[in-house]
Amino acid sequence: MTSDAPLVKIRLIERSLRCFAFGIVAILPIIGIPFAVVAINSFRQVFFARSNVWNPAEPHLRVGMACATLGVLLDLLIASMIAIQIS
C-alpha cells in the first residue's frame, strides 16, 4: 500500500458525493442541465480513476448518475413536447 492510497480514496469519495449532489439537482427541468453535466463528469472521473480501491460511496455515485441521466431525459422529453406543440 502506497502513501497516497488514502488520498486516492478520499478523492473517490468526494467525487462520488459530488456526483450524487449534482445528480439530485439535475432532476430539475431546464435549470438542472449544467448540474447534470457536472454530475456526469464526476461519474466519469471516478469510473476511470478507480482501480482496486474500495469506494464506500459507490451507491451514491450510481444514484447520482441515474438522477443526472433521468434529468437529461426529462429535459429532452420537455423540449420535444414543446417542439411538437410549436409545429
PDB file of N, CA and C in Angstrom:
ATOM      1  N   MET A   1       0.852  -1.173   0.000  1.00  0.00           N
ATOM      2  CA  MET A   1       0.000   0.000   0.000  1.00  0.00           C
ATOM      3  C   MET A   1       0.897   1.235   0.000  1.00  0.00           C
ATOM      4  N   THR A   2       0.650   2.141  -0.918  1.00  0.00           N
ATOM      5  CA  THR A   2       1.483   3.334  -1.014  1.00  0.00           C
ATOM      6  C   THR A   2       0.962   4.418  -0.085  1.00  0.00           C
ATOM      7  N   SER A   3       1.769   5.449   0.063  1.00  0.00           N
ATOM      8  CA  SER A   3       1.389   6.516   0.985  1.00  0.00           C
ATOM      9  C   SER A   3       0.266   7.384   0.436  1.00  0.00           C
ATOM     10  N   ASP A   4       0.045   7.371  -0.897  1.00  0.00           N
ATOM     11  CA  ASP A   4      -1.024   8.191  -1.465  1.00  0.00           C
ATOM     12  C   ASP A   4      -2.344   7.439  -1.600  1.00  0.00           C
ATOM     13  N   ALA A   5      -2.417   6.209  -1.140  1.00  0.00           N
ATOM     14  CA  ALA A   5      -3.649   5.425  -1.219  1.00  0.00           C
ATOM     15  C   ALA A   5      -4.807   6.079  -0.464  1.00  0.00           C
ATOM     16  N   PRO A   6      -4.576   6.621   0.747  1.00  0.00           N
ATOM     17  CA  PRO A   6      -5.691   7.292   1.420  1.00  0.00           C
ATOM     18  C   PRO A   6      -6.183   8.517   0.654  1.00  0.00           C
ATOM     19  N   LEU A   7      -5.268   9.227   0.003  1.00  0.00           N
ATOM     20  CA  LEU A   7      -5.683  10.397  -0.782  1.00  0.00           C
ATOM     21  C   LEU A   7      -6.522   9.986  -1.985  1.00  0.00           C
ATOM     22  N   VAL A   8      -6.175   8.887  -2.596  1.00  0.00           N
ATOM     23  CA  VAL A   8      -6.957   8.384  -3.729  1.00  0.00           C
ATOM     24  C   VAL A   8      -8.365   8.032  -3.270  1.00  0.00           C
ATOM     25  N   LYS A   9      -8.459   7.380  -2.134  1.00  0.00           N
ATOM     26  CA  LYS A   9      -9.767   7.003  -1.599  1.00  0.00           C
ATOM     27  C   LYS A   9     -10.591   8.236  -1.235  1.00  0.00           C
ATOM     28  N   ILE A  10      -9.944   9.241  -0.661  1.00  0.00           N
ATOM     29  CA  ILE A  10     -10.655  10.476  -0.311  1.00  0.00           C
ATOM     30  C   ILE A  10     -11.186  11.158  -1.563  1.00  0.00           C
ATOM     31  N   ARG A  11     -10.369  11.211  -2.612  1.00  0.00           N
ATOM     32  CA  ARG A  11     -10.822  11.825  -3.875  1.00  0.00           C
ATOM     33  C   ARG A  11     -11.992  11.061  -4.480  1.00  0.00           C
ATOM     34  N   LEU A  12     -11.926   9.729  -4.427  1.00  0.00           N
ATOM     35  CA  LEU A  12     -13.031   8.928  -4.955  1.00  0.00           C
ATOM     36  C   LEU A  12     -14.327   9.209  -4.196  1.00  0.00           C
ATOM     37  N   ILE A  13     -14.224   9.279  -2.885  1.00  0.00           N
ATOM     38  CA  ILE A  13     -15.414   9.533  -2.066  1.00  0.00           C
ATOM     39  C   ILE A  13     -15.951  10.932  -2.326  1.00  0.00           C
ATOM     40  N   GLU A  14     -15.067  11.931  -2.389  1.00  0.00           N
ATOM     41  CA  GLU A  14     -15.524  13.307  -2.641  1.00  0.00           C
ATOM     42  C   GLU A  14     -16.198  13.432  -3.998  1.00  0.00           C
ATOM     43  N   ARG A  15     -15.606  12.836  -5.019  1.00  0.00           N
ATOM     44  CA  ARG A  15     -16.202  12.908  -6.360  1.00  0.00           C
ATOM     45  C   ARG A  15     -17.508  12.134  -6.430  1.00  0.00           C
ATOM     46  N   SER A  16     -17.590  11.034  -5.706  1.00  0.00           N
ATOM     47  CA  SER A  16     -18.842  10.266  -5.677  1.00  0.00           C
ATOM     48  C   SER A  16     -19.958  11.082  -5.034  1.00  0.00           C
ATOM     49  N   LEU A  17     -19.641  11.753  -3.931  1.00  0.00           N
ATOM     50  CA  LEU A  17     -20.654  12.571  -3.262  1.00  0.00           C
ATOM     51  C   LEU A  17     -20.996  13.810  -4.088  1.00  0.00           C
ATOM     52  N   ARG A  18     -20.026  14.354  -4.818  1.00  0.00           N
ATOM     53  CA  ARG A  18     -20.292  15.479  -5.714  1.00  0.00           C
ATOM     54  C   ARG A  18     -21.235  15.032  -6.832  1.00  0.00           C
ATOM     55  N   CYS A  19     -21.005  13.851  -7.365  1.00  0.00           N
ATOM     56  CA  CYS A  19     -21.886  13.311  -8.394  1.00  0.00           C
ATOM     57  C   CYS A  19     -23.299  13.150  -7.852  1.00  0.00           C
ATOM     58  N   PHE A  20     -23.409  12.657  -6.634  1.00  0.00           N
ATOM     59  CA  PHE A  20     -24.725  12.468  -6.009  1.00  0.00           C
ATOM     60  C   PHE A  20     -25.450  13.800  -5.832  1.00  0.00           C
ATOM     61  N   ALA A  21     -24.763  14.790  -5.283  1.00  0.00           N
ATOM     62  CA  ALA A  21     -25.397  16.085  -5.013  1.00  0.00           C
ATOM     63  C   ALA A  21     -25.823  16.769  -6.304  1.00  0.00           C
ATOM     64  N   PHE A  22     -24.943  16.807  -7.284  1.00  0.00           N
ATOM     65  CA  PHE A  22     -25.295  17.458  -8.541  1.00  0.00           C
ATOM     66  C   PHE A  22     -26.319  16.639  -9.325  1.00  0.00           C
ATOM     67  N   GLY A  23     -26.286  15.320  -9.172  1.00  0.00           N
ATOM     68  CA  GLY A  23     -27.271  14.476  -9.845  1.00  0.00           C
ATOM     69  C   GLY A  23     -28.679  14.710  -9.328  1.00  0.00           C
ATOM     70  N   ILE A  24     -28.805  14.898  -8.020  1.00  0.00           N
ATOM     71  CA  ILE A  24     -30.122  15.183  -7.435  1.00  0.00           C
ATOM     72  C   ILE A  24     -30.671  16.502  -7.978  1.00  0.00           C
ATOM     73  N   VAL A  25     -29.814  17.523  -8.046  1.00  0.00           N
ATOM     74  CA  VAL A  25     -30.254  18.828  -8.537  1.00  0.00           C
ATOM     75  C   VAL A  25     -30.531  18.767 -10.042  1.00  0.00           C
ATOM     76  N   ALA A  26     -29.884  17.852 -10.744  1.00  0.00           N
ATOM     77  CA  ALA A  26     -30.053  17.738 -12.194  1.00  0.00           C
ATOM     78  C   ALA A  26     -31.455  17.299 -12.596  1.00  0.00           C
ATOM     79  N   ILE A  27     -32.232  16.808 -11.658  1.00  0.00           N
ATOM     80  CA  ILE A  27     -33.597  16.381 -11.981  1.00  0.00           C
ATOM     81  C   ILE A  27     -34.486  17.588 -12.286  1.00  0.00           C
ATOM     82  N   LEU A  28     -34.116  18.759 -11.785  1.00  0.00           N
ATOM     83  CA  LEU A  28     -34.916  19.957 -12.043  1.00  0.00           C
ATOM     84  C   LEU A  28     -34.959  20.251 -13.544  1.00  0.00           C
ATOM     85  N   PRO A  29     -36.138  20.503 -14.083  1.00  0.00           N
ATOM     86  CA  PRO A  29     -36.230  20.781 -15.517  1.00  0.00           C
ATOM     87  C   PRO A  29     -35.505  22.070 -15.879  1.00  0.00           C
ATOM     88  N   ILE A  30     -34.861  22.069 -17.014  1.00  0.00           N
ATOM     89  CA  ILE A  30     -34.133  23.171 -17.622  1.00  0.00           C
ATOM     90  C   ILE A  30     -32.972  23.650 -16.736  1.00  0.00           C
ATOM     91  N   ILE A  31     -33.235  23.998 -15.502  1.00  0.00           N
ATOM     92  CA  ILE A  31     -32.196  24.502 -14.594  1.00  0.00           C
ATOM     93  C   ILE A  31     -31.148  23.424 -14.317  1.00  0.00           C
ATOM     94  N   GLY A  32     -31.538  22.174 -14.369  1.00  0.00           N
ATOM     95  CA  GLY A  32     -30.648  21.085 -13.990  1.00  0.00           C
ATOM     96  C   GLY A  32     -29.650  20.651 -15.044  1.00  0.00           C
ATOM     97  N   ILE A  33     -29.705  21.220 -16.244  1.00  0.00           N
ATOM     98  CA  ILE A  33     -28.802  20.777 -17.311  1.00  0.00           C
ATOM     99  C   ILE A  33     -27.330  20.958 -16.939  1.00  0.00           C
ATOM    100  N   PRO A  34     -26.901  22.134 -16.466  1.00  0.00           N
ATOM    101  CA  PRO A  34     -25.479  22.242 -16.106  1.00  0.00           C
ATOM    102  C   PRO A  34     -25.090  21.338 -14.943  1.00  0.00           C
ATOM    103  N   PHE A  35     -26.007  21.102 -14.035  1.00  0.00           N
ATOM    104  CA  PHE A  35     -25.727  20.205 -12.913  1.00  0.00           C
ATOM    105  C   PHE A  35     -25.576  18.763 -13.400  1.00  0.00           C
ATOM    106  N   ALA A  36     -26.356  18.402 -14.410  1.00  0.00           N
ATOM    107  CA  ALA A  36     -26.232  17.061 -14.980  1.00  0.00           C
ATOM    108  C   ALA A  36     -24.873  16.881 -15.642  1.00  0.00           C
ATOM    109  N   VAL A  37     -24.399  17.916 -16.307  1.00  0.00           N
ATOM    110  CA  VAL A  37     -23.081  17.844 -16.947  1.00  0.00           C
ATOM    111  C   VAL A  37     -21.994  17.630 -15.896  1.00  0.00           C
ATOM    112  N   VAL A  38     -22.084  18.356 -14.792  1.00  0.00           N
ATOM    113  CA  VAL A  38     -21.088  18.211 -13.719  1.00  0.00           C
ATOM    114  C   VAL A  38     -21.187  16.821 -13.094  1.00  0.00           C
ATOM    115  N   ALA A  39     -22.397  16.334 -12.889  1.00  0.00           N
ATOM    116  CA  ALA A  39     -22.580  15.009 -12.282  1.00  0.00           C
ATOM    117  C   ALA A  39     -22.031  13.914 -13.187  1.00  0.00           C
ATOM    118  N   ILE A  40     -22.297  14.013 -14.475  1.00  0.00           N
ATOM    119  CA  ILE A  40     -21.800  13.000 -15.411  1.00  0.00           C
ATOM    120  C   ILE A  40     -20.280  13.064 -15.496  1.00  0.00           C
ATOM    121  N   ASN A  41     -19.731  14.270 -15.474  1.00  0.00           N
ATOM    122  CA  ASN A  41     -18.277  14.412 -15.493  1.00  0.00           C
ATOM    123  C   ASN A  41     -17.653  13.817 -14.226  1.00  0.00           C
ATOM    124  N   SER A  42     -18.264  14.050 -13.085  1.00  0.00           N
ATOM    125  CA  SER A  42     -17.757  13.465 -11.831  1.00  0.00           C
ATOM    126  C   SER A  42     -17.828  11.947 -11.867  1.00  0.00           C
ATOM    127  N   PHE A  43     -18.906  11.427 -12.421  1.00  0.00           N
ATOM    128  CA  PHE A  43     -19.048   9.973 -12.557  1.00  0.00           C
ATOM    129  C   PHE A  43     -17.925   9.410 -13.419  1.00  0.00           C
ATOM    130  N   ARG A  44     -17.659  10.057 -14.552  1.00  0.00           N
ATOM    131  CA  ARG A  44     -16.607   9.585 -15.455  1.00  0.00           C
ATOM    132  C   ARG A  44     -15.241   9.622 -14.778  1.00  0.00           C
ATOM    133  N   GLN A  45     -14.981  10.678 -14.013  1.00  0.00           N
ATOM    134  CA  GLN A  45     -13.694  10.779 -13.319  1.00  0.00           C
ATOM    135  C   GLN A  45     -13.513   9.635 -12.332  1.00  0.00           C
ATOM    136  N   VAL A  46     -14.550   9.344 -11.583  1.00  0.00           N
ATOM    137  CA  VAL A  46     -14.457   8.252 -10.602  1.00  0.00           C
ATOM    138  C   VAL A  46     -14.365   6.914 -11.306  1.00  0.00           C
ATOM    139  N   PHE A  47     -15.168   6.734 -12.347  1.00  0.00           N
ATOM    140  CA  PHE A  47     -15.217   5.448 -13.042  1.00  0.00           C
ATOM    141  C   PHE A  47     -13.868   5.113 -13.674  1.00  0.00           C
ATOM    142  N   PHE A  48     -13.230   6.103 -14.289  1.00  0.00           N
ATOM    143  CA  PHE A  48     -11.962   5.845 -14.955  1.00  0.00           C
ATOM    144  C   PHE A  48     -10.766   5.914 -14.013  1.00  0.00           C
ATOM    145  N   ALA A  49     -10.904   6.559 -12.871  1.00  0.00           N
ATOM    146  CA  ALA A  49      -9.781   6.699 -11.943  1.00  0.00           C
ATOM    147  C   ALA A  49      -9.698   5.550 -10.943  1.00  0.00           C
ATOM    148  N   ARG A  50     -10.784   4.842 -10.749  1.00  0.00           N
ATOM    149  CA  ARG A  50     -10.748   3.800  -9.723  1.00  0.00           C
ATOM    150  C   ARG A  50      -9.894   2.625 -10.199  1.00  0.00           C
ATOM    151  N   SER A  51      -9.282   2.014  -9.271  1.00  0.00           N
ATOM    152  CA  SER A  51      -8.518   0.802  -9.573  1.00  0.00           C
ATOM    153  C   SER A  51      -9.074  -0.293  -8.678  1.00  0.00           C
ATOM    154  N   ASN A  52      -8.286  -0.791  -7.793  1.00  0.00           N
ATOM    155  CA  ASN A  52      -8.771  -1.804  -6.853  1.00  0.00           C
ATOM    156  C   ASN A  52      -9.121  -1.187  -5.507  1.00  0.00           C
ATOM    157  N   VAL A  53      -9.339   0.120  -5.499  1.00  0.00           N
ATOM    158  CA  VAL A  53      -9.660   0.823  -4.269  1.00  0.00           C
ATOM    159  C   VAL A  53     -11.155   0.706  -4.012  1.00  0.00           C
ATOM    160  N   TRP A  54     -11.510   0.289  -2.826  1.00  0.00           N
ATOM    161  CA  TRP A  54     -12.917   0.171  -2.461  1.00  0.00           C
ATOM    162  C   TRP A  54     -13.498   1.558  -2.251  1.00  0.00           C
ATOM    163  N   ASN A  55     -14.629   1.829  -2.867  1.00  0.00           N
ATOM    164  CA  ASN A  55     -15.290   3.120  -2.754  1.00  0.00           C
ATOM    165  C   ASN A  55     -16.550   2.946  -1.905  1.00  0.00           C
ATOM    166  N   PRO A  56     -16.534   3.398  -0.650  1.00  0.00           N
ATOM    167  CA  PRO A  56     -17.721   3.229   0.188  1.00  0.00           C
ATOM    168  C   PRO A  56     -18.901   4.086  -0.270  1.00  0.00           C
ATOM    169  N   ALA A  57     -18.652   5.081  -1.101  1.00  0.00           N
ATOM    170  CA  ALA A  57     -19.727   5.945  -1.590  1.00  0.00           C
ATOM    171  C   ALA A  57     -20.194   5.539  -2.981  1.00  0.00           C
ATOM    172  N   GLU A  58     -19.931   4.308  -3.386  1.00  0.00           N
ATOM    173  CA  GLU A  58     -20.342   3.866  -4.723  1.00  0.00           C
ATOM    174  C   GLU A  58     -21.857   3.896  -4.931  1.00  0.00           C
ATOM    175  N   PRO A  59     -22.669   3.547  -3.931  1.00  0.00           N
ATOM    176  CA  PRO A  59     -24.120   3.693  -4.155  1.00  0.00           C
ATOM    177  C   PRO A  59     -24.528   5.139  -4.446  1.00  0.00           C
ATOM    178  N   HIS A  60     -23.871   6.091  -3.795  1.00  0.00           N
ATOM    179  CA  HIS A  60     -24.157   7.498  -4.073  1.00  0.00           C
ATOM    180  C   HIS A  60     -23.755   7.856  -5.501  1.00  0.00           C
ATOM    181  N   LEU A  61     -22.647   7.303  -5.939  1.00  0.00           N
ATOM    182  CA  LEU A  61     -22.180   7.545  -7.301  1.00  0.00           C
ATOM    183  C   LEU A  61     -23.196   7.034  -8.316  1.00  0.00           C
ATOM    184  N   ARG A  62     -23.694   5.841  -8.096  1.00  0.00           N
ATOM    185  CA  ARG A  62     -24.663   5.252  -9.037  1.00  0.00           C
ATOM    186  C   ARG A  62     -25.995   6.010  -9.027  1.00  0.00           C
ATOM    187  N   VAL A  63     -26.463   6.390  -7.845  1.00  0.00           N
ATOM    188  CA  VAL A  63     -27.721   7.148  -7.757  1.00  0.00           C
ATOM    189  C   VAL A  63     -27.559   8.524  -8.393  1.00  0.00           C
ATOM    190  N   GLY A  64     -26.410   9.158  -8.182  1.00  0.00           N
ATOM    191  CA  GLY A  64     -26.160  10.454  -8.799  1.00  0.00           C
ATOM    192  C   GLY A  64     -26.169  10.378 -10.312  1.00  0.00           C
ATOM    193  N   MET A  65     -25.544   9.353 -10.857  1.00  0.00           N
ATOM    194  CA  MET A  65     -25.533   9.181 -12.312  1.00  0.00           C
ATOM    195  C   MET A  65     -26.933   8.879 -12.832  1.00  0.00           C
ATOM    196  N   ALA A  66     -27.676   8.064 -12.110  1.00  0.00           N
ATOM    197  CA  ALA A  66     -29.045   7.751 -12.526  1.00  0.00           C
ATOM    198  C   ALA A  66     -29.921   9.003 -12.522  1.00  0.00           C
ATOM    199  N   CYS A  67     -29.779   9.829 -11.500  1.00  0.00           N
ATOM    200  CA  CYS A  67     -30.565  11.067 -11.425  1.00  0.00           C
ATOM    201  C   CYS A  67     -30.166  12.040 -12.527  1.00  0.00           C
ATOM    202  N   ALA A  68     -28.872  12.144 -12.800  1.00  0.00           N
ATOM    203  CA  ALA A  68     -28.414  13.033 -13.867  1.00  0.00           C
ATOM    204  C   ALA A  68     -28.937  12.564 -15.216  1.00  0.00           C
ATOM    205  N   THR A  69     -28.906  11.267 -15.450  1.00  0.00           N
ATOM    206  CA  THR A  69     -29.428  10.721 -16.700  1.00  0.00           C
ATOM    207  C   THR A  69     -30.928  10.955 -16.799  1.00  0.00           C
ATOM    208  N   LEU A  70     -31.630  10.736 -15.712  1.00  0.00           N
ATOM    209  CA  LEU A  70     -33.073  10.983 -15.691  1.00  0.00           C
ATOM    210  C   LEU A  70     -33.373  12.451 -15.972  1.00  0.00           C
ATOM    211  N   GLY A  71     -32.595  13.343 -15.385  1.00  0.00           N
ATOM    212  CA  GLY A  71     -32.791  14.769 -15.615  1.00  0.00           C
ATOM    213  C   GLY A  71     -32.590  15.150 -17.063  1.00  0.00           C
ATOM    214  N   VAL A  72     -31.562  14.607 -17.689  1.00  0.00           N
ATOM    215  CA  VAL A  72     -31.314  14.892 -19.111  1.00  0.00           C
ATOM    216  C   VAL A  72     -32.453  14.343 -19.961  1.00  0.00           C
ATOM    217  N   LEU A  73     -32.900  13.137 -19.656  1.00  0.00           N
ATOM    218  CA  LEU A  73     -34.011  12.554 -20.423  1.00  0.00           C
ATOM    219  C   LEU A  73     -35.298  13.358 -20.251  1.00  0.00           C
ATOM    220  N   LEU A  74     -35.558  13.821 -19.048  1.00  0.00           N
ATOM    221  CA  LEU A  74     -36.742  14.651 -18.825  1.00  0.00           C
ATOM    222  C   LEU A  74     -36.646  15.972 -19.586  1.00  0.00           C
ATOM    223  N   ASP A  75     -35.455  16.565 -19.615  1.00  0.00           N
ATOM    224  CA  ASP A  75     -35.266  17.800 -20.373  1.00  0.00           C
ATOM    225  C   ASP A  75     -35.487  17.568 -21.864  1.00  0.00           C
ATOM    226  N   LEU A  76     -34.990  16.444 -22.379  1.00  0.00           N
ATOM    227  CA  LEU A  76     -35.212  16.125 -23.786  1.00  0.00           C
ATOM    228  C   LEU A  76     -36.690  15.886 -24.072  1.00  0.00           C
ATOM    229  N   LEU A  77     -37.377  15.230 -23.154  1.00  0.00           N
ATOM    230  CA  LEU A  77     -38.808  14.995 -23.320  1.00  0.00           C
ATOM    231  C   LEU A  77     -39.575  16.309 -23.330  1.00  0.00           C
ATOM    232  N   ILE A  78     -39.248  17.199 -22.426  1.00  0.00           N
ATOM    233  CA  ILE A  78     -39.913  18.506 -22.372  1.00  0.00           C
ATOM    234  C   ILE A  78     -39.637  19.296 -23.641  1.00  0.00           C
ATOM    235  N   ALA A  79     -38.375  19.276 -24.094  1.00  0.00           N
ATOM    236  CA  ALA A  79     -38.026  20.005 -25.315  1.00  0.00           C
ATOM    237  C   ALA A  79     -38.758  19.441 -26.524  1.00  0.00           C
ATOM    238  N   SER A  80     -38.888  18.129 -26.601  1.00  0.00           N
ATOM    239  CA  SER A  80     -39.598  17.539 -27.732  1.00  0.00           C
ATOM    240  C   SER A  80     -41.086  17.838 -27.674  1.00  0.00           C
ATOM    241  N   MET A  81     -41.654  17.864 -26.479  1.00  0.00           N
ATOM    242  CA  MET A  81     -43.076  18.196 -26.358  1.00  0.00           C
ATOM    243  C   MET A  81     -43.320  19.644 -26.766  1.00  0.00           C
ATOM    244  N   ILE A  82     -42.412  20.534 -26.397  1.00  0.00           N
ATOM    245  CA  ILE A  82     -42.555  21.943 -26.792  1.00  0.00           C
ATOM    246  C   ILE A  82     -42.410  22.065 -28.313  1.00  0.00           C
ATOM    247  N   ALA A  83     -41.459  21.341 -28.893  1.00  0.00           N
ATOM    248  CA  ALA A  83     -41.267  21.396 -30.336  1.00  0.00           C
ATOM    249  C   ALA A  83     -42.500  20.870 -31.089  1.00  0.00           C
ATOM    250  N   ILE A  84     -43.111  19.831 -30.548  1.00  0.00           N
ATOM    251  CA  ILE A  84     -44.319  19.300 -31.185  1.00  0.00           C
ATOM    252  C   ILE A  84     -45.467  20.290 -31.084  1.00  0.00           C
ATOM    253  N   GLN A  85     -45.598  20.965 -29.958  1.00  0.00           N
ATOM    254  CA  GLN A  85     -46.671  21.946 -29.792  1.00  0.00           C
ATOM    255  C   GLN A  85     -46.486  23.152 -30.696  1.00  0.00           C
ATOM    256  N   ILE A  86     -45.228  23.549 -30.921  1.00  0.00           N
ATOM    257  CA  ILE A  86     -44.953  24.717 -31.765  1.00  0.00           C
ATOM    258  C   ILE A  86     -45.261  24.404 -33.218  1.00  0.00           C
ATOM    259  N   SER A  87     -44.913  23.213 -33.687  1.00  0.00           N
ATOM    260  CA  SER A  87     -45.112  22.888 -35.106  1.00  0.00           C
ATOM    261  C   SER A  87     -46.508  22.439 -35.430  1.00  0.00           C
TER     262      SER A  87
END
